[in-house]
Each structure stands twice: as C-alpha cells, then as structure tokens.
PDB file of N, CA and C in Angstrom:
ATOM      1  N   MET A   1      -1.414   7.851 -16.515  1.00  0.00           N
ATOM      2  CA  MET A   1      -0.877   7.985 -15.674  1.00  0.00           C
ATOM      3  C   MET A   1      -0.609   7.581 -13.827  1.00  0.00           C
ATOM      4  N   ILE A   2       0.211   7.022 -13.047  1.00  0.00           N
ATOM      5  CA  ILE A   2       0.106   6.796 -11.888  1.00  0.00           C
ATOM      6  C   ILE A   2       1.313   7.661 -10.922  1.00  0.00           C
ATOM      7  N   TRP A   3       0.884   8.575 -10.426  1.00  0.00           N
ATOM      8  CA  TRP A   3       1.864   9.365 -10.016  1.00  0.00           C
ATOM      9  C   TRP A   3       2.165   9.137  -8.314  1.00  0.00           C
ATOM     10  N   GLN A   4       3.122   8.914  -7.941  1.00  0.00           N
ATOM     11  CA  GLN A   4       3.835   8.883  -6.630  1.00  0.00           C
ATOM     12  C   GLN A   4       3.158   7.651  -5.657  1.00  0.00           C
ATOM     13  N   GLY A   5       3.461   6.556  -6.090  1.00  0.00           N
ATOM     14  CA  GLY A   5       2.561   5.451  -5.045  1.00  0.00           C
ATOM     15  C   GLY A   5       3.847   4.741  -5.088  1.00  0.00           C
ATOM     16  N   SER A   6       3.115   3.708  -3.623  1.00  0.00           N
ATOM     17  CA  SER A   6       4.754   2.618  -3.331  1.00  0.00           C
ATOM     18  C   SER A   6       3.940   1.699  -2.810  1.00  0.00           C
ATOM     19  N   GLY A   7       4.334   0.557  -2.563  1.00  0.00           N
ATOM     20  CA  GLY A   7       3.538  -0.551  -2.389  1.00  0.00           C
ATOM     21  C   GLY A   7       4.103  -1.525  -2.625  1.00  0.00           C
ATOM     22  N   GLN A   8       3.444  -3.042  -2.163  1.00  0.00           N
ATOM     23  CA  GLN A   8       3.495  -4.205  -3.331  1.00  0.00           C
ATOM     24  C   GLN A   8       2.676  -4.259  -3.899  1.00  0.00           C
ATOM     25  N   ASN A   9       2.727  -5.047  -5.314  1.00  0.00           N
ATOM     26  CA  ASN A   9       1.577  -5.195  -6.369  1.00  0.00           C
ATOM     27  C   ASN A   9       0.942  -6.297  -5.906  1.00  0.00           C
ATOM     28  N   ALA A  10       0.196  -6.474  -4.369  1.00  0.00           N
ATOM     29  CA  ALA A  10      -0.689  -7.397  -4.064  1.00  0.00           C
ATOM     30  C   ALA A  10      -2.006  -6.802  -3.541  1.00  0.00           C
ATOM     31  N   ALA A  11      -3.329  -7.082  -3.540  1.00  0.00           N
ATOM     32  CA  ALA A  11      -4.090  -6.047  -3.359  1.00  0.00           C
ATOM     33  C   ALA A  11      -4.588  -5.841  -2.070  1.00  0.00           C
ATOM     34  N   ARG A  12      -3.590  -6.636  -1.258  1.00  0.00           N
ATOM     35  CA  ARG A  12      -3.370  -6.518   0.145  1.00  0.00           C
ATOM     36  C   ARG A  12      -2.783  -5.272   0.849  1.00  0.00           C
ATOM     37  N   TYR A  13      -1.986  -4.802   0.208  1.00  0.00           N
ATOM     38  CA  TYR A  13      -0.995  -4.166   0.556  1.00  0.00           C
ATOM     39  C   TYR A  13      -1.265  -2.697  -0.572  1.00  0.00           C
ATOM     40  N   THR A  14      -2.434  -2.569  -0.282  1.00  0.00           N
ATOM     41  CA  THR A  14      -2.162  -1.359  -1.314  1.00  0.00           C
ATOM     42  C   THR A  14      -1.381   0.152  -0.997  1.00  0.00           C
ATOM     43  N   ALA A  15      -1.758   1.015  -1.954  1.00  0.00           N
ATOM     44  CA  ALA A  15      -0.327   2.284  -1.393  1.00  0.00           C
ATOM     45  C   ALA A  15      -1.488   3.441  -1.658  1.00  0.00           C
ATOM     46  N   GLY A  16      -1.061   4.085  -0.077  1.00  0.00           N
ATOM     47  CA  GLY A  16      -2.061   5.276  -0.108  1.00  0.00           C
ATOM     48  C   GLY A  16      -1.239   6.699  -1.007  1.00  0.00           C
ATOM     49  N   GLY A  17      -1.948   7.829  -1.124  1.00  0.00           N
ATOM     50  CA  GLY A  17      -1.141   8.676  -1.584  1.00  0.00           C
ATOM     51  C   GLY A  17      -1.070   8.525  -3.677  1.00  0.00           C
ATOM     52  N   VAL A  18      -1.731   7.870  -3.610  1.00  0.00           N
ATOM     53  CA  VAL A  18      -1.582   7.872  -5.631  1.00  0.00           C
ATOM     54  C   VAL A  18      -3.033   8.751  -6.109  1.00  0.00           C
ATOM     55  N   ASP A  19      -2.689   9.735  -6.725  1.00  0.00           N
ATOM     56  CA  ASP A  19      -3.549  10.267  -7.998  1.00  0.00           C
ATOM     57  C   ASP A  19      -2.807   9.492  -9.142  1.00  0.00           C
ATOM     58  N   TYR A  20      -4.247   9.398  -9.877  1.00  0.00           N
ATOM     59  CA  TYR A  20      -4.129   9.154 -11.439  1.00  0.00           C
ATOM     60  C   TYR A  20      -4.785   9.823 -12.211  1.00  0.00           C
ATOM     61  N   MET A  21      -3.986  10.386 -13.232  1.00  0.00           N
ATOM     62  CA  MET A  21      -4.414  11.294 -14.396  1.00  0.00           C
ATOM     63  C   MET A  21      -4.574  11.011 -15.681  1.00  0.00           C
ATOM     64  N   LEU A  22      -5.027  11.212 -16.188  1.00  0.00           N
ATOM     65  CA  LEU A  22      -5.178  10.643 -17.721  1.00  0.00           C
ATOM     66  C   LEU A  22      -5.054  12.146 -18.687  1.00  0.00           C
ATOM     67  N   ALA A  23      -3.873  11.490 -19.469  1.00  0.00           N
ATOM     68  CA  ALA A  23      -3.549  12.596 -20.333  1.00  0.00           C
ATOM     69  C   ALA A  23      -3.850  12.082 -21.778  1.00  0.00           C
ATOM     70  N   TYR A  24      -4.011  13.149 -22.569  1.00  0.00           N
ATOM     71  CA  TYR A  24      -4.915  13.303 -24.403  1.00  0.00           C
ATOM     72  C   TYR A  24      -3.594  13.302 -25.037  1.00  0.00           C
ATOM     73  N   ALA A  25      -3.321  13.217 -26.296  1.00  0.00           N
ATOM     74  CA  ALA A  25      -2.037  13.754 -26.938  1.00  0.00           C
ATOM     75  C   ALA A  25      -3.364  14.343 -28.519  1.00  0.00           C
ATOM     76  N   LYS A  26      -3.146  15.526 -28.678  1.00  0.00           N
ATOM     77  CA  LYS A  26      -3.961  15.965 -30.180  1.00  0.00           C
ATOM     78  C   LYS A  26      -3.569  14.921 -31.254  1.00  0.00           C
ATOM     79  N   ASP A  27      -1.802  15.232 -31.520  1.00  0.00           N
ATOM     80  CA  ASP A  27      -1.439  14.679 -32.276  1.00  0.00           C
ATOM     81  C   ASP A  27      -0.098  13.859 -31.675  1.00  0.00           C
ATOM     82  N   GLU A  28      -0.170  12.200 -32.025  1.00  0.00           N
ATOM     83  CA  GLU A  28       0.491  11.407 -31.346  1.00  0.00           C
ATOM     84  C   GLU A  28       1.854  11.629 -32.033  1.00  0.00           C
ATOM     85  N   GLU A  29       1.506  11.294 -33.657  1.00  0.00           N
ATOM     86  CA  GLU A  29       2.807  11.498 -34.281  1.00  0.00           C
ATOM     87  C   GLU A  29       3.579  11.809 -34.299  1.00  0.00           C
ATOM     88  N   ARG A  30       3.156  13.694 -33.643  1.00  0.00           N
ATOM     89  CA  ARG A  30       3.890  14.863 -33.693  1.00  0.00           C
ATOM     90  C   ARG A  30       5.038  14.409 -32.419  1.00  0.00           C
ATOM     91  N   LEU A  31       4.463  14.002 -31.668  1.00  0.00           N
ATOM     92  CA  LEU A  31       5.044  13.666 -30.173  1.00  0.00           C
ATOM     93  C   LEU A  31       6.205  12.837 -30.500  1.00  0.00           C
ATOM     94  N   ARG A  32       5.679  11.979 -30.633  1.00  0.00           N
ATOM     95  CA  ARG A  32       6.927  10.717 -31.646  1.00  0.00           C
ATOM     96  C   ARG A  32       8.043  11.510 -32.589  1.00  0.00           C
ATOM     97  N   GLU A  33       7.730  12.610 -33.558  1.00  0.00           N
ATOM     98  CA  GLU A  33       8.845  13.316 -34.389  1.00  0.00           C
ATOM     99  C   GLU A  33       9.593  14.371 -32.905  1.00  0.00           C
ATOM    100  N   LEU A  34       8.944  14.509 -31.960  1.00  0.00           N
ATOM    101  CA  LEU A  34       9.615  15.410 -31.423  1.00  0.00           C
ATOM    102  C   LEU A  34      10.297  14.735 -30.102  1.00  0.00           C
ATOM    103  N   ASP A  35      10.465  13.526 -30.072  1.00  0.00           N
ATOM    104  CA  ASP A  35      10.718  13.000 -29.216  1.00  0.00           C
ATOM    105  C   ASP A  35      10.761  13.060 -27.646  1.00  0.00           C
ATOM    106  N   ILE A  36       9.181  13.164 -27.518  1.00  0.00           N
ATOM    107  CA  ILE A  36       8.871  13.556 -26.121  1.00  0.00           C
ATOM    108  C   ILE A  36       7.992  12.593 -25.640  1.00  0.00           C
ATOM    109  N   ARG A  37       9.095  12.532 -24.199  1.00  0.00           N
ATOM    110  CA  ARG A  37       8.588  11.633 -23.566  1.00  0.00           C
ATOM    111  C   ARG A  37       8.099  11.662 -22.474  1.00  0.00           C
ATOM    112  N   TRP A  38       7.325  11.148 -21.650  1.00  0.00           N
ATOM    113  CA  TRP A  38       6.532  11.808 -20.652  1.00  0.00           C
ATOM    114  C   TRP A  38       6.856  11.338 -18.912  1.00  0.00           C
ATOM    115  N   ARG A  39       8.466  10.671 -18.756  1.00  0.00           N
ATOM    116  CA  ARG A  39       9.040  10.428 -17.692  1.00  0.00           C
ATOM    117  C   ARG A  39      10.400  11.734 -17.344  1.00  0.00           C
ATOM    118  N   GLU A  40      10.646  11.649 -16.388  1.00  0.00           N
ATOM    119  CA  GLU A  40      10.902  13.010 -15.854  1.00  0.00           C
ATOM    120  C   GLU A  40      11.954  12.361 -14.793  1.00  0.00           C
ATOM    121  N   PRO A  41      13.203  12.088 -14.343  1.00  0.00           N
ATOM    122  CA  PRO A  41      13.676  11.772 -13.289  1.00  0.00           C
ATOM    123  C   PRO A  41      13.846  12.373 -12.360  1.00  0.00           C
ATOM    124  N   LYS A  42      13.004  11.872 -11.074  1.00  0.00           N
ATOM    125  CA  LYS A  42      13.235  12.674  -9.626  1.00  0.00           C
ATOM    126  C   LYS A  42      14.525  13.344  -9.438  1.00  0.00           C
ATOM    127  N   PRO A  43      14.192  14.568  -8.766  1.00  0.00           N
ATOM    128  CA  PRO A  43      15.613  15.235  -8.127  1.00  0.00           C
ATOM    129  C   PRO A  43      16.295  14.324  -6.904  1.00  0.00           C
ATOM    130  N   GLY A  44      17.372  13.958  -7.332  1.00  0.00           N
ATOM    131  CA  GLY A  44      18.764  12.914  -6.508  1.00  0.00           C
ATOM    132  C   GLY A  44      18.560  11.380  -6.760  1.00  0.00           C
ATOM    133  N   ILE A  45      17.801  11.351  -8.132  1.00  0.00           N
ATOM    134  CA  ILE A  45      17.434   9.792  -8.039  1.00  0.00           C
ATOM    135  C   ILE A  45      19.218   9.320  -8.727  1.00  0.00           C
ATOM    136  N   GLU A  46      19.770   9.967  -9.797  1.00  0.00           N
ATOM    137  CA  GLU A  46      21.570   9.624 -10.452  1.00  0.00           C
ATOM    138  C   GLU A  46      21.992   9.802  -9.003  1.00  0.00           C
ATOM    139  N   LYS A  47      22.308  10.525  -8.256  1.00  0.00           N
ATOM    140  CA  LYS A  47      22.830  10.363  -6.621  1.00  0.00           C
ATOM    141  C   LYS A  47      22.997   9.096  -5.962  1.00  0.00           C
ATOM    142  N   SER A  48      21.862   8.713  -5.483  1.00  0.00           N
ATOM    143  CA  SER A  48      21.202   7.672  -4.836  1.00  0.00           C
ATOM    144  C   SER A  48      21.398   6.285  -5.627  1.00  0.00           C
ATOM    145  N   PHE A  49      21.130   6.573  -6.747  1.00  0.00           N
ATOM    146  CA  PHE A  49      21.555   4.830  -7.550  1.00  0.00           C
ATOM    147  C   PHE A  49      23.162   4.337  -7.546  1.00  0.00           C
ATOM    148  N   ALA A  50      23.664   6.203  -7.221  1.00  0.00           N
ATOM    149  CA  ALA A  50      25.341   5.989  -7.223  1.00  0.00           C
ATOM    150  C   ALA A  50      26.155   5.456  -5.413  1.00  0.00           C
ATOM    151  N   ALA A  51      24.912   6.180  -5.221  1.00  0.00           N
ATOM    152  CA  ALA A  51      25.557   5.547  -3.508  1.00  0.00           C
ATOM    153  C   ALA A  51      24.692   3.714  -3.440  1.00  0.00           C
ATOM    154  N   ALA A  52      23.745   3.444  -3.897  1.00  0.00           N
ATOM    155  CA  ALA A  52      23.389   2.254  -3.600  1.00  0.00           C
ATOM    156  C   ALA A  52      24.251   1.457  -4.688  1.00  0.00           C
ATOM    157  N   GLY A  53      24.778   1.925  -5.580  1.00  0.00           N
ATOM    158  CA  GLY A  53      26.230   1.338  -6.101  1.00  0.00           C
ATOM    159  C   GLY A  53      27.415   1.295  -5.508  1.00  0.00           C
ATOM    160  N   GLU A  54      27.698   1.965  -4.779  1.00  0.00           N
ATOM    161  CA  GLU A  54      29.235   2.414  -4.090  1.00  0.00           C
ATOM    162  C   GLU A  54      28.773   1.439  -2.472  1.00  0.00           C
ATOM    163  N   ALA A  55      27.631   1.065  -1.834  1.00  0.00           N
ATOM    164  CA  ALA A  55      27.598   0.600  -1.025  1.00  0.00           C
ATOM    165  C   ALA A  55      27.644  -0.937  -1.229  1.00  0.00           C
ATOM    166  N   TRP A  56      27.066  -1.142  -2.361  1.00  0.00           N
ATOM    167  CA  TRP A  56      26.874  -2.407  -2.716  1.00  0.00           C
ATOM    168  C   TRP A  56      27.826  -3.175  -3.183  1.00  0.00           C
ATOM    169  N   GLU A  57      29.158  -2.221  -3.617  1.00  0.00           N
ATOM    170  CA  GLU A  57      30.584  -2.706  -3.782  1.00  0.00           C
ATOM    171  C   GLU A  57      31.016  -2.358  -2.346  1.00  0.00           C
ATOM    172  N   SER A  58      31.252  -1.685  -1.898  1.00  0.00           N
ATOM    173  CA  SER A  58      32.611  -1.413  -0.326  1.00  0.00           C
ATOM    174  C   SER A  58      32.100  -2.464   0.461  1.00  0.00           C
ATOM    175  N   ALA A  59      30.117  -3.526   0.527  1.00  0.00           N
ATOM    176  CA  ALA A  59      30.028  -4.325   1.483  1.00  0.00           C
ATOM    177  C   ALA A  59      30.280  -5.820   1.016  1.00  0.00           C
ATOM    178  N   ASN A  60      30.881  -5.619   0.093  1.00  0.00           N
ATOM    179  CA  ASN A  60      31.069  -7.019  -0.909  1.00  0.00           C
ATOM    180  C   ASN A  60      30.077  -7.754  -1.077  1.00  0.00           C
ATOM    181  N   VAL A  61      29.245  -7.209  -1.947  1.00  0.00           N
ATOM    182  CA  VAL A  61      27.745  -7.877  -2.259  1.00  0.00           C
ATOM    183  C   VAL A  61      26.728  -8.536  -1.036  1.00  0.00           C
ATOM    184  N   ASP A  62      27.307  -7.721   0.491  1.00  0.00           N
ATOM    185  CA  ASP A  62      26.210  -8.175   1.149  1.00  0.00           C
ATOM    186  C   ASP A  62      25.151  -7.508   1.500  1.00  0.00           C
ATOM    187  N   PRO A  63      23.840  -8.321   1.036  1.00  0.00           N
ATOM    188  CA  PRO A  63      22.701  -7.248   1.114  1.00  0.00           C
ATOM    189  C   PRO A  63      22.729  -6.401   2.624  1.00  0.00           C
ATOM    190  N   VAL A  64      22.872  -7.309   3.902  1.00  0.00           N
ATOM    191  CA  VAL A  64      22.876  -6.374   4.856  1.00  0.00           C
ATOM    192  C   VAL A  64      23.515  -5.098   4.976  1.00  0.00           C
ATOM    193  N   ALA A  65      24.714  -5.623   4.978  1.00  0.00           N
ATOM    194  CA  ALA A  65      25.941  -4.291   5.002  1.00  0.00           C
ATOM    195  C   ALA A  65      25.275  -3.326   4.243  1.00  0.00           C
ATOM    196  N   ALA A  66      25.135  -3.800   2.730  1.00  0.00           N
ATOM    197  CA  ALA A  66      25.110  -2.797   1.757  1.00  0.00           C
ATOM    198  C   ALA A  66      24.169  -1.740   2.006  1.00  0.00           C
ATOM    199  N   THR A  67      22.920  -2.471   2.696  1.00  0.00           N
ATOM    200  CA  THR A  67      21.948  -1.333   3.022  1.00  0.00           C
ATOM    201  C   THR A  67      22.033  -0.383   4.357  1.00  0.00           C
ATOM    202  N   ARG A  68      22.830  -0.798   5.398  1.00  0.00           N
ATOM    203  CA  ARG A  68      23.538  -0.103   6.509  1.00  0.00           C
ATOM    204  C   ARG A  68      24.218   1.023   5.546  1.00  0.00           C
ATOM    205  N   ILE A  69      24.833   0.621   4.916  1.00  0.00           N
ATOM    206  CA  ILE A  69      25.606   1.648   4.221  1.00  0.00           C
ATOM    207  C   ILE A  69      24.953   2.674   3.443  1.00  0.00           C
ATOM    208  N   TYR A  70      23.967   1.723   2.728  1.00  0.00           N
ATOM    209  CA  TYR A  70      23.444   2.989   1.859  1.00  0.00           C
ATOM    210  C   TYR A  70      22.178   4.190   2.477  1.00  0.00           C
ATOM    211  N   ARG A  71      21.780   3.586   3.827  1.00  0.00           N
ATOM    212  CA  ARG A  71      20.888   4.197   4.430  1.00  0.00           C
ATOM    213  C   ARG A  71      21.731   5.211   4.875  1.00  0.00           C
ATOM    214  N   ARG A  72      22.904   5.372   5.369  1.00  0.00           N
ATOM    215  CA  ARG A  72      23.795   6.368   6.264  1.00  0.00           C
ATOM    216  C   ARG A  72      23.837   7.278   4.727  1.00  0.00           C
ATOM    217  N   ALA A  73      23.892   6.660   3.410  1.00  0.00           N
ATOM    218  CA  ALA A  73      24.336   7.546   3.340  1.00  0.00           C
ATOM    219  C   ALA A  73      22.826   8.371   2.610  1.00  0.00           C
ATOM    220  N   LEU A  74      21.897   7.712   2.287  1.00  0.00           N
ATOM    221  CA  LEU A  74      20.813   8.622   2.211  1.00  0.00           C
ATOM    222  C   LEU A  74      20.658   9.661   3.188  1.00  0.00           C
ATOM    223  N   ARG A  75      20.544   9.510   4.164  1.00  0.00           N
ATOM    224  CA  ARG A  75      20.470  10.654   5.588  1.00  0.00           C
ATOM    225  C   ARG A  75      21.546  11.479   4.907  1.00  0.00           C
ATOM    226  N   ALA A  76      22.174  11.447   4.920  1.00  0.00           N
ATOM    227  CA  ALA A  76      23.420  12.673   4.540  1.00  0.00           C
ATOM    228  C   ALA A  76      22.765  12.861   3.129  1.00  0.00           C
ATOM    229  N   MET A  77      22.250  12.825   2.810  1.00  0.00           N
ATOM    230  CA  MET A  77      21.666  13.966   1.208  1.00  0.00           C
ATOM    231  C   MET A  77      20.150  14.019   1.528  1.00  0.00           C
ATOM    232  N   ARG A  78      19.732  13.840   3.125  1.00  0.00           N
ATOM    233  CA  ARG A  78      18.538  13.646   2.496  1.00  0.00           C
ATOM    234  C   ARG A  78      17.854  15.204   2.367  1.00  0.00           C
ATOM    235  N   ASP A  79      18.558  16.187   2.305  1.00  0.00           N
ATOM    236  CA  ASP A  79      17.564  17.046   1.970  1.00  0.00           C
ATOM    237  C   ASP A  79      17.736  17.406   0.395  1.00  0.00           C
ATOM    238  N   GLU A  80      18.406  17.055  -0.250  1.00  0.00           N
ATOM    239  CA  GLU A  80      18.313  16.734  -1.771  1.00  0.00           C
ATOM    240  C   GLU A  80      17.732  15.639  -2.593  1.00  0.00           C
ATOM    241  N   LEU A  81      16.871  14.877  -1.812  1.00  0.00           N
ATOM    242  CA  LEU A  81      16.137  14.127  -2.269  1.00  0.00           C
ATOM    243  C   LEU A  81      14.630  14.264  -2.159  1.00  0.00           C
ATOM    244  N   GLU A  82      13.889  13.771  -3.314  1.00  0.00           N
ATOM    245  CA  GLU A  82      12.129  13.837  -2.866  1.00  0.00           C
ATOM    246  C   GLU A  82      11.881  12.907  -2.388  1.00  0.00           C
ATOM    247  N   PRO A  83      11.207  12.872  -1.270  1.00  0.00           N
ATOM    248  CA  PRO A  83      10.656  11.537  -0.638  1.00  0.00           C
ATOM    249  C   PRO A  83      10.777  10.241  -1.324  1.00  0.00           C
ATOM    250  N   ALA A  84      10.011   9.936  -2.647  1.00  0.00           N
ATOM    251  CA  ALA A  84       9.789   8.910  -3.272  1.00  0.00           C
ATOM    252  C   ALA A  84      11.148   8.109  -3.915  1.00  0.00           C
ATOM    253  N   VAL A  85      12.014   9.531  -3.635  1.00  0.00           N
ATOM    254  CA  VAL A  85      13.367   8.327  -3.327  1.00  0.00           C
ATOM    255  C   VAL A  85      14.237   8.002  -2.700  1.00  0.00           C
ATOM    256  N   PHE A  86      13.334   8.917  -1.370  1.00  0.00           N
ATOM    257  CA  PHE A  86      14.314   9.109   0.367  1.00  0.00           C
ATOM    258  C   PHE A  86      14.171   7.298   0.737  1.00  0.00           C
ATOM    259  N   ARG A  87      12.581   6.957   0.325  1.00  0.00           N
ATOM    260  CA  ARG A  87      11.692   6.205   1.042  1.00  0.00           C
ATOM    261  C   ARG A  87      12.528   4.924   0.839  1.00  0.00           C
ATOM    262  N   TYR A  88      13.099   4.785  -0.568  1.00  0.00           N
ATOM    263  CA  TYR A  88      12.962   3.218  -0.733  1.00  0.00           C
ATOM    264  C   TYR A  88      15.088   3.320  -0.661  1.00  0.00           C
ATOM    265  N   ASP A  89      14.921   2.483   0.609  1.00  0.00           N
ATOM    266  CA  ASP A  89      16.499   2.900   1.722  1.00  0.00           C
ATOM    267  C   ASP A  89      16.726   1.271   1.958  1.00  0.00           C
ATOM    268  N   HIS A  90      16.205   0.121   0.881  1.00  0.00           N
ATOM    269  CA  HIS A  90      16.559  -1.279   0.981  1.00  0.00           C
ATOM    270  C   HIS A  90      17.293  -1.804  -0.063  1.00  0.00           C
ATOM    271  N   ILE A  91      18.963  -2.638  -0.291  1.00  0.00           N
ATOM    272  CA  ILE A  91      19.067  -2.939  -1.129  1.00  0.00           C
ATOM    273  C   ILE A  91      18.794  -4.430  -0.836  1.00  0.00           C
ATOM    274  N   ASP A  92      18.377  -4.879  -1.703  1.00  0.00           N
ATOM    275  CA  ASP A  92      18.761  -6.999  -1.622  1.00  0.00           C
ATOM    276  C   ASP A  92      18.899  -7.389  -3.056  1.00  0.00           C
ATOM    277  N   GLU A  93      19.039  -8.750  -2.927  1.00  0.00           N
ATOM    278  CA  GLU A  93      19.792  -9.129  -3.977  1.00  0.00           C
ATOM    279  C   GLU A  93      18.535  -9.640  -4.503  1.00  0.00           C
ATOM    280  N   ALA A  94      18.176  -9.071  -6.015  1.00  0.00           N
ATOM    281  CA  ALA A  94      17.316  -9.396  -6.719  1.00  0.00           C
ATOM    282  C   ALA A  94      17.559 -10.332  -8.125  1.00  0.00           C
ATOM    283  N   ASP A  95      17.330 -11.346  -7.399  1.00  0.00           N
ATOM    284  CA  ASP A  95      17.461 -12.302  -8.055  1.00  0.00           C
ATOM    285  C   ASP A  95      16.288 -13.400  -8.807  1.00  0.00           C
ATOM    286  N   ASN A  96      15.258 -12.788  -7.868  1.00  0.00           N
ATOM    287  CA  ASN A  96      13.682 -13.008  -8.213  1.00  0.00           C
ATOM    288  C   ASN A  96      12.462 -11.771  -8.356  1.00  0.00           C
ATOM    289  N   MET A  97      12.989 -11.165  -9.390  1.00  0.00           N
ATOM    290  CA  MET A  97      11.842 -10.176  -9.819  1.00  0.00           C
ATOM    291  C   MET A  97      10.505 -10.674  -9.679  1.00  0.00           C
ATOM    292  N   GLY A  98       9.509 -12.320  -9.752  1.00  0.00           N
ATOM    293  CA  GLY A  98       8.529 -12.133  -9.801  1.00  0.00           C
ATOM    294  C   GLY A  98       7.432 -12.011  -9.195  1.00  0.00           C
ATOM    295  N   SER A  99       6.160 -12.103  -9.146  1.00  0.00           N
ATOM    296  CA  SER A  99       5.077 -11.332  -8.489  1.00  0.00           C
ATOM    297  C   SER A  99       5.640 -12.435  -7.297  1.00  0.00           C
ATOM    298  N   PRO A 100       4.867 -12.166  -5.908  1.00  0.00           N
ATOM    299  CA  PRO A 100       4.873 -13.261  -4.547  1.00  0.00           C
ATOM    300  C   PRO A 100       3.525 -13.729  -4.806  1.00  0.00           C
ATOM    301  N   LYS A 101       2.323 -13.864  -5.948  1.00  0.00           N
ATOM    302  CA  LYS A 101       1.633 -14.477  -5.658  1.00  0.00           C
ATOM    303  C   LYS A 101       1.286 -14.493  -7.190  1.00  0.00           C
ATOM    304  N   PRO A 102       2.038 -15.344  -8.324  1.00  0.00           N
ATOM    305  CA  PRO A 102       1.899 -15.039  -9.589  1.00  0.00           C
ATOM    306  C   PRO A 102       0.411 -15.939 -10.016  1.00  0.00           C
ATOM    307  N   ARG A 103       0.001 -15.649 -10.814  1.00  0.00           N
ATOM    308  CA  ARG A 103      -1.507 -15.890 -11.577  1.00  0.00           C
ATOM    309  C   ARG A 103      -0.858 -15.799 -12.958  1.00  0.00           C
ATOM    310  N   PRO A 104      -1.458 -16.594 -13.744  1.00  0.00           N
ATOM    311  CA  PRO A 104      -1.435 -16.908 -15.729  1.00  0.00           C
ATOM    312  C   PRO A 104      -1.973 -15.226 -16.054  1.00  0.00           C
ATOM    313  N   ASN A 105      -3.231 -14.552 -15.303  1.00  0.00           N
ATOM    314  CA  ASN A 105      -3.290 -13.456 -15.731  1.00  0.00           C
ATOM    315  C   ASN A 105      -2.244 -12.286 -15.977  1.00  0.00           C
ATOM    316  N   LEU A 106      -1.780 -12.555 -14.820  1.00  0.00           N
ATOM    317  CA  LEU A 106      -0.332 -11.308 -14.261  1.00  0.00           C
ATOM    318  C   LEU A 106       0.685 -11.718 -14.751  1.00  0.00           C
ATOM    319  N   ILE A 107       1.443 -12.160 -15.682  1.00  0.00           N
ATOM    320  CA  ILE A 107       2.283 -12.735 -16.286  1.00  0.00           C
ATOM    321  C   ILE A 107       2.932 -11.968 -17.639  1.00  0.00           C
ATOM    322  N   PHE A 108       3.964 -11.033 -17.726  1.00  0.00           N
ATOM    323  CA  PHE A 108       3.801 -10.406 -19.264  1.00  0.00           C
ATOM    324  C   PHE A 108       4.757 -10.759 -19.740  1.00  0.00           C
TER     325      PHE A 108
END
C-alpha cells in the first residue's frame, strides 16, 4: 500500500512524503466473507466532490472559472479537510486520462 502521495506519473516528477506499507492477510477468504476493504474515504472528500460539482455547473463547464469557484469553496472548509484533499484544487476537462508519455509496458 502507498500512503499519502501526490505528483505526476512520471519518474521526473516523483512525489515526496510517500510511505510504503506491506500488509498480509492470514485468511484471504475470511476477508472476502466479511467484505473487508482496505479503503477509507478521507475526511471531507465528499464535501470536496460536492463543491467541485457545484463549481463546475455554476461555471457553465468552464474549467478556469470552475477552478476559481472551487478554490474559494475549499478555503471556506479548509479546517474540515485533510491536506490530501485540500491540495487538489484544480478542475479541468478530463477528456484525456492517458499518460503524458505513453509506453506499451504502461498500458492497462
């Protein structure tokens, strides 16, 4: 597991503050039976998503205006958000989610 990282998916832009953890399960089948998940939403993420959606709609799907509105909303709720939520403050048109430097061995 990787904990609390940020940055781009390219060797040139490695992210600081990343911790790696190795976890083992004694009985994987039991984890499945209990529907145990290793994910927990970060505090404030739902409010952040809602604010981003509202910003996008009120800006008439203009990424520059939406980012400006979204950043104001984030500042207003900064005390309620984890740093990992607060630092992602940019809205853009996600029409191309591909790698900036695609390689055959990095296609999923």
